[in-house]
PDB file of N, CA and C in Angstrom:
ATOM      1  N   MET A   1     -97.712  39.509  62.214  1.00  0.00           N
ATOM      2  CA  MET A   1     -97.213  38.320  62.887  1.00  0.00           C
ATOM      3  C   MET A   1     -98.342  37.749  63.739  1.00  0.00           C
ATOM      4  N   PRO A   2     -98.740  36.557  63.494  1.00  0.00           N
ATOM      5  CA  PRO A   2     -99.846  35.968  64.259  1.00  0.00           C
ATOM      6  C   PRO A   2     -99.397  35.497  65.644  1.00  0.00           C
ATOM      7  N   ALA A   3    -100.339  35.437  66.555  1.00  0.00           N
ATOM      8  CA  ALA A   3    -100.074  34.906  67.888  1.00  0.00           C
ATOM      9  C   ALA A   3     -99.752  33.416  67.780  1.00  0.00           C
ATOM     10  N   LYS A   4     -98.933  32.918  68.696  1.00  0.00           N
ATOM     11  CA  LYS A   4     -98.539  31.513  68.666  1.00  0.00           C
ATOM     12  C   LYS A   4     -99.322  30.666  69.661  1.00  0.00           C
ATOM     13  N   SER A   5    -100.154  31.312  70.508  1.00  0.00           N
ATOM     14  CA  SER A   5    -100.958  30.567  71.472  1.00  0.00           C
ATOM     15  C   SER A   5    -102.213  31.369  71.810  1.00  0.00           C
ATOM     16  N   LYS A   6    -103.190  30.677  72.403  1.00  0.00           N
ATOM     17  CA  LYS A   6    -104.424  31.351  72.817  1.00  0.00           C
ATOM     18  C   LYS A   6    -104.131  32.371  73.906  1.00  0.00           C
ATOM     19  N   ALA A   7    -103.208  32.054  74.799  1.00  0.00           N
ATOM     20  CA  ALA A   7    -102.852  32.978  75.880  1.00  0.00           C
ATOM     21  C   ALA A   7    -102.249  34.260  75.316  1.00  0.00           C
ATOM     22  N   GLN A   8    -101.405  34.126  74.319  1.00  0.00           N
ATOM     23  CA  GLN A   8    -100.779  35.288  73.688  1.00  0.00           C
ATOM     24  C   GLN A   8    -101.830  36.129  72.971  1.00  0.00           C
ATOM     25  N   GLN A   9    -102.773  35.489  72.337  1.00  0.00           N
ATOM     26  CA  GLN A   9    -103.845  36.187  71.625  1.00  0.00           C
ATOM     27  C   GLN A   9    -104.717  36.963  72.611  1.00  0.00           C
ATOM     28  N   ARG A  10    -105.043  36.356  73.740  1.00  0.00           N
ATOM     29  CA  ARG A  10    -105.859  37.032  74.764  1.00  0.00           C
ATOM     30  C   ARG A  10    -105.107  38.207  75.377  1.00  0.00           C
ATOM     31  N   ALA A  11    -103.823  38.038  75.660  1.00  0.00           N
ATOM     32  CA  ALA A  11    -103.014  39.111  76.240  1.00  0.00           C
ATOM     33  C   ALA A  11    -102.932  40.295  75.279  1.00  0.00           C
ATOM     34  N   ALA A  12    -102.787  40.005  74.002  1.00  0.00           N
ATOM     35  CA  ALA A  12    -102.743  41.075  73.001  1.00  0.00           C
ATOM     36  C   ALA A  12    -104.079  41.809  72.946  1.00  0.00           C
ATOM     37  N   GLY A  13    -105.170  41.077  73.067  1.00  0.00           N
ATOM     38  CA  GLY A  13    -106.488  41.704  73.073  1.00  0.00           C
ATOM     39  C   GLY A  13    -106.667  42.641  74.253  1.00  0.00           C
ATOM     40  N   ALA A  14    -106.192  42.237  75.413  1.00  0.00           N
ATOM     41  CA  ALA A  14    -106.282  43.082  76.606  1.00  0.00           C
ATOM     42  C   ALA A  14    -105.423  44.336  76.442  1.00  0.00           C
ATOM     43  N   ALA A  15    -104.208  44.174  75.934  1.00  0.00           N
ATOM     44  CA  ALA A  15    -103.320  45.313  75.719  1.00  0.00           C
ATOM     45  C   ALA A  15    -103.897  46.264  74.677  1.00  0.00           C
ATOM     46  N   LEU A  16    -104.482  45.709  73.631  1.00  0.00           N
ATOM     47  CA  LEU A  16    -105.089  46.529  72.586  1.00  0.00           C
ATOM     48  C   LEU A  16    -106.253  47.338  73.151  1.00  0.00           C
ATOM     49  N   SER A  17    -107.045  46.723  73.990  1.00  0.00           N
ATOM     50  CA  SER A  17    -108.170  47.410  74.614  1.00  0.00           C
ATOM     51  C   SER A  17    -107.681  48.606  75.437  1.00  0.00           C
ATOM     52  N   ALA A  18    -106.574  48.436  76.142  1.00  0.00           N
ATOM     53  CA  ALA A  18    -106.005  49.532  76.929  1.00  0.00           C
ATOM     54  C   ALA A  18    -105.436  50.618  76.018  1.00  0.00           C
ATOM     55  N   LYS A  19    -104.774  50.227  74.932  1.00  0.00           N
ATOM     56  CA  LYS A  19    -104.227  51.210  73.982  1.00  0.00           C
ATOM     57  C   LYS A  19    -105.329  52.082  73.409  1.00  0.00           C
ATOM     58  N   ARG A  20    -106.501  51.500  73.204  1.00  0.00           N
ATOM     59  CA  ARG A  20    -107.632  52.230  72.629  1.00  0.00           C
ATOM     60  C   ARG A  20    -108.413  53.009  73.680  1.00  0.00           C
ATOM     61  N   GLY A  21    -108.033  52.868  74.942  1.00  0.00           N
ATOM     62  CA  GLY A  21    -108.703  53.585  76.010  1.00  0.00           C
ATOM     63  C   GLY A  21    -109.989  52.928  76.483  1.00  0.00           C
ATOM     64  N   GLU A  22    -110.213  51.689  76.092  1.00  0.00           N
ATOM     65  CA  GLU A  22    -111.427  50.973  76.477  1.00  0.00           C
ATOM     66  C   GLU A  22    -111.292  50.329  77.854  1.00  0.00           C
ATOM     67  N   THR A  23    -110.063  50.095  78.296  1.00  0.00           N
ATOM     68  CA  THR A  23    -109.790  49.522  79.616  1.00  0.00           C
ATOM     69  C   THR A  23    -108.677  50.344  80.245  1.00  0.00           C
ATOM     70  N   ARG A  24    -108.594  50.309  81.551  1.00  0.00           N
ATOM     71  CA  ARG A  24    -107.536  51.035  82.250  1.00  0.00           C
ATOM     72  C   ARG A  24    -106.216  50.282  82.156  1.00  0.00           C
ATOM     73  N   VAL A  25    -105.151  51.030  81.951  1.00  0.00           N
ATOM     74  CA  VAL A  25    -103.818  50.428  81.889  1.00  0.00           C
ATOM     75  C   VAL A  25    -103.490  49.769  83.232  1.00  0.00           C
ATOM     76  N   SER A  26    -103.982  50.342  84.318  1.00  0.00           N
ATOM     77  CA  SER A  26    -103.708  49.796  85.652  1.00  0.00           C
ATOM     78  C   SER A  26    -104.319  48.405  85.847  1.00  0.00           C
ATOM     79  N   GLU A  27    -105.267  48.016  85.003  1.00  0.00           N
ATOM     80  CA  GLU A  27    -105.880  46.692  85.096  1.00  0.00           C
ATOM     81  C   GLU A  27    -105.039  45.614  84.409  1.00  0.00           C
ATOM     82  N   LEU A  28    -104.053  46.026  83.619  1.00  0.00           N
ATOM     83  CA  LEU A  28    -103.203  45.067  82.912  1.00  0.00           C
ATOM     84  C   LEU A  28    -102.167  44.474  83.856  1.00  0.00           C
ATOM     85  N   LYS A  29    -101.829  43.212  83.609  1.00  0.00           N
ATOM     86  CA  LYS A  29    -100.756  42.585  84.367  1.00  0.00           C
ATOM     87  C   LYS A  29    -100.089  41.529  83.499  1.00  0.00           C
ATOM     88  N   GLY A  30     -98.888  41.169  83.878  1.00  0.00           N
ATOM     89  CA  GLY A  30     -98.163  40.119  83.169  1.00  0.00           C
ATOM     90  C   GLY A  30     -97.855  40.468  81.726  1.00  0.00           C
ATOM     91  N   ALA A  31     -98.119  39.507  80.842  1.00  0.00           N
ATOM     92  CA  ALA A  31     -97.781  39.649  79.422  1.00  0.00           C
ATOM     93  C   ALA A  31     -98.528  40.798  78.766  1.00  0.00           C
ATOM     94  N   SER A  32     -99.786  41.011  79.154  1.00  0.00           N
ATOM     95  CA  SER A  32    -100.552  42.089  78.517  1.00  0.00           C
ATOM     96  C   SER A  32     -99.942  43.455  78.840  1.00  0.00           C
ATOM     97  N   LYS A  33     -99.424  43.634  80.061  1.00  0.00           N
ATOM     98  CA  LYS A  33     -98.775  44.893  80.422  1.00  0.00           C
ATOM     99  C   LYS A  33     -97.484  45.071  79.622  1.00  0.00           C
ATOM    100  N   ASP A  34     -96.711  43.997  79.487  1.00  0.00           N
ATOM    101  CA  ASP A  34     -95.476  44.058  78.699  1.00  0.00           C
ATOM    102  C   ASP A  34     -95.785  44.393  77.242  1.00  0.00           C
ATOM    103  N   MET A  35     -96.828  43.763  76.689  1.00  0.00           N
ATOM    104  CA  MET A  35     -97.209  44.026  75.303  1.00  0.00           C
ATOM    105  C   MET A  35     -97.666  45.476  75.132  1.00  0.00           C
ATOM    106  N   TYR A  36     -98.424  45.982  76.089  1.00  0.00           N
ATOM    107  CA  TYR A  36     -98.896  47.366  76.031  1.00  0.00           C
ATOM    108  C   TYR A  36     -97.712  48.327  75.943  1.00  0.00           C
ATOM    109  N   ASP A  37     -96.683  48.059  76.754  1.00  0.00           N
ATOM    110  CA  ASP A  37     -95.513  48.942  76.812  1.00  0.00           C
ATOM    111  C   ASP A  37     -94.622  48.845  75.578  1.00  0.00           C
ATOM    112  N   SER A  38     -94.577  47.670  74.942  1.00  0.00           N
ATOM    113  CA  SER A  38     -93.559  47.464  73.905  1.00  0.00           C
ATOM    114  C   SER A  38     -94.088  47.377  72.473  1.00  0.00           C
ATOM    115  N   MET A  39     -95.415  47.348  72.283  1.00  0.00           N
ATOM    116  CA  MET A  39     -95.953  47.139  70.937  1.00  0.00           C
ATOM    117  C   MET A  39     -96.858  48.292  70.514  1.00  0.00           C
ATOM    118  N   THR A  40     -96.935  48.496  69.202  1.00  0.00           N
ATOM    119  CA  THR A  40     -97.832  49.514  68.663  1.00  0.00           C
ATOM    120  C   THR A  40     -99.245  48.954  68.566  1.00  0.00           C
ATOM    121  N   GLU A  41    -100.201  49.829  68.352  1.00  0.00           N
ATOM    122  CA  GLU A  41    -101.588  49.397  68.200  1.00  0.00           C
ATOM    123  C   GLU A  41    -101.742  48.457  67.002  1.00  0.00           C
ATOM    124  N   ASP A  42    -101.054  48.749  65.910  1.00  0.00           N
ATOM    125  CA  ASP A  42    -101.117  47.889  64.721  1.00  0.00           C
ATOM    126  C   ASP A  42    -100.570  46.490  65.002  1.00  0.00           C
ATOM    127  N   GLU A  43     -99.447  46.424  65.722  1.00  0.00           N
ATOM    128  CA  GLU A  43     -98.877  45.118  66.066  1.00  0.00           C
ATOM    129  C   GLU A  43     -99.832  44.332  66.966  1.00  0.00           C
ATOM    130  N   LEU A  44    -100.432  45.018  67.926  1.00  0.00           N
ATOM    131  CA  LEU A  44    -101.382  44.356  68.824  1.00  0.00           C
ATOM    132  C   LEU A  44    -102.602  43.860  68.068  1.00  0.00           C
ATOM    133  N   GLU A  45    -103.058  44.638  67.082  1.00  0.00           N
ATOM    134  CA  GLU A  45    -104.190  44.207  66.255  1.00  0.00           C
ATOM    135  C   GLU A  45    -103.869  42.909  65.525  1.00  0.00           C
ATOM    136  N   ASP A  46    -102.656  42.809  64.988  1.00  0.00           N
ATOM    137  CA  ASP A  46    -102.241  41.582  64.284  1.00  0.00           C
ATOM    138  C   ASP A  46    -102.296  40.372  65.215  1.00  0.00           C
ATOM    139  N   PHE A  47    -101.760  40.517  66.425  1.00  0.00           N
ATOM    140  CA  PHE A  47    -101.772  39.423  67.377  1.00  0.00           C
ATOM    141  C   PHE A  47    -103.191  39.089  67.827  1.00  0.00           C
ATOM    142  N   ALA A  48    -103.959  40.111  68.165  1.00  0.00           N
ATOM    143  CA  ALA A  48    -105.301  39.899  68.714  1.00  0.00           C
ATOM    144  C   ALA A  48    -106.265  39.323  67.683  1.00  0.00           C
ATOM    145  N   SER A  49    -106.023  39.586  66.411  1.00  0.00           N
ATOM    146  CA  SER A  49    -106.945  39.122  65.376  1.00  0.00           C
ATOM    147  C   SER A  49    -106.638  37.708  64.878  1.00  0.00           C
ATOM    148  N   THR A  50    -105.616  37.083  65.439  1.00  0.00           N
ATOM    149  CA  THR A  50    -105.265  35.715  65.063  1.00  0.00           C
ATOM    150  C   THR A  50    -106.415  34.765  65.354  1.00  0.00           C
ATOM    151  N   ASP A  51    -106.730  33.912  64.403  1.00  0.00           N
ATOM    152  CA  ASP A  51    -107.756  32.893  64.606  1.00  0.00           C
ATOM    153  C   ASP A  51    -107.265  31.905  65.654  1.00  0.00           C
ATOM    154  N   ARG A  52    -108.052  31.683  66.696  1.00  0.00           N
ATOM    155  CA  ARG A  52    -107.641  30.824  67.810  1.00  0.00           C
ATOM    156  C   ARG A  52    -107.775  29.339  67.501  1.00  0.00           C
ATOM    157  N   LYS A  53    -108.482  29.004  66.445  1.00  0.00           N
ATOM    158  CA  LYS A  53    -108.677  27.595  66.108  1.00  0.00           C
ATOM    159  C   LYS A  53    -107.325  26.939  65.821  1.00  0.00           C
ATOM    160  N   GLY A  54    -107.049  25.867  66.503  1.00  0.00           N
ATOM    161  CA  GLY A  54    -105.812  25.122  66.284  1.00  0.00           C
ATOM    162  C   GLY A  54    -104.626  25.626  67.075  1.00  0.00           C
ATOM    163  N   LEU A  55    -104.758  26.736  67.792  1.00  0.00           N
ATOM    164  CA  LEU A  55    -103.644  27.232  68.599  1.00  0.00           C
ATOM    165  C   LEU A  55    -103.580  26.481  69.920  1.00  0.00           C
ATOM    166  N   PRO A  56    -102.376  26.236  70.426  1.00  0.00           N
ATOM    167  CA  PRO A  56    -102.269  25.628  71.757  1.00  0.00           C
ATOM    168  C   PRO A  56    -102.661  26.659  72.822  1.00  0.00           C
ATOM    169  N   ASP A  57    -103.020  26.188  74.018  1.00  0.00           N
ATOM    170  CA  ASP A  57    -103.371  27.119  75.089  1.00  0.00           C
ATOM    171  C   ASP A  57    -102.190  27.999  75.466  1.00  0.00           C
ATOM    172  N   LYS A  58    -101.022  27.387  75.575  1.00  0.00           N
ATOM    173  CA  LYS A  58     -99.805  28.109  75.936  1.00  0.00           C
ATOM    174  C   LYS A  58     -98.640  27.571  75.123  1.00  0.00           C
ATOM    175  N   VAL A  59     -97.605  28.374  74.997  1.00  0.00           N
ATOM    176  CA  VAL A  59     -96.354  27.942  74.379  1.00  0.00           C
ATOM    177  C   VAL A  59     -95.260  28.162  75.399  1.00  0.00           C
ATOM    178  N   GLU A  60     -94.503  27.128  75.674  1.00  0.00           N
ATOM    179  CA  GLU A  60     -93.425  27.229  76.653  1.00  0.00           C
ATOM    180  C   GLU A  60     -92.250  27.989  76.064  1.00  0.00           C
ATOM    181  N   ASP A  61     -91.568  28.794  76.914  1.00  0.00           N
ATOM    182  CA  ASP A  61     -90.375  29.522  76.485  1.00  0.00           C
ATOM    183  C   ASP A  61     -89.241  28.552  76.220  1.00  0.00           C
ATOM    184  N   ASP A  62     -88.415  28.873  75.237  1.00  0.00           N
ATOM    185  CA  ASP A  62     -87.242  28.057  74.941  1.00  0.00           C
ATOM    186  C   ASP A  62     -86.025  28.487  75.759  1.00  0.00           C
ATOM    187  N   ASP A  63     -86.160  29.578  76.507  1.00  0.00           N
ATOM    188  CA  ASP A  63     -85.037  30.134  77.277  1.00  0.00           C
ATOM    189  C   ASP A  63     -84.663  29.293  78.460  1.00  0.00           C
TER     190      ASP A  63
END
């Protein structure tokens, strides 16, 4: 599943870095912390590897 925004792609990259032990989990905040807790490394790879070209900076919640 590809990321829907640049912000989502960056958050997934940060969470993936923590999952791999490259960054401290305590450095995560917001969406990246939520993604770290709820997604597998494979899912994070899918989001983080999304091509950012053409993605909006942010996507507003429909809630």
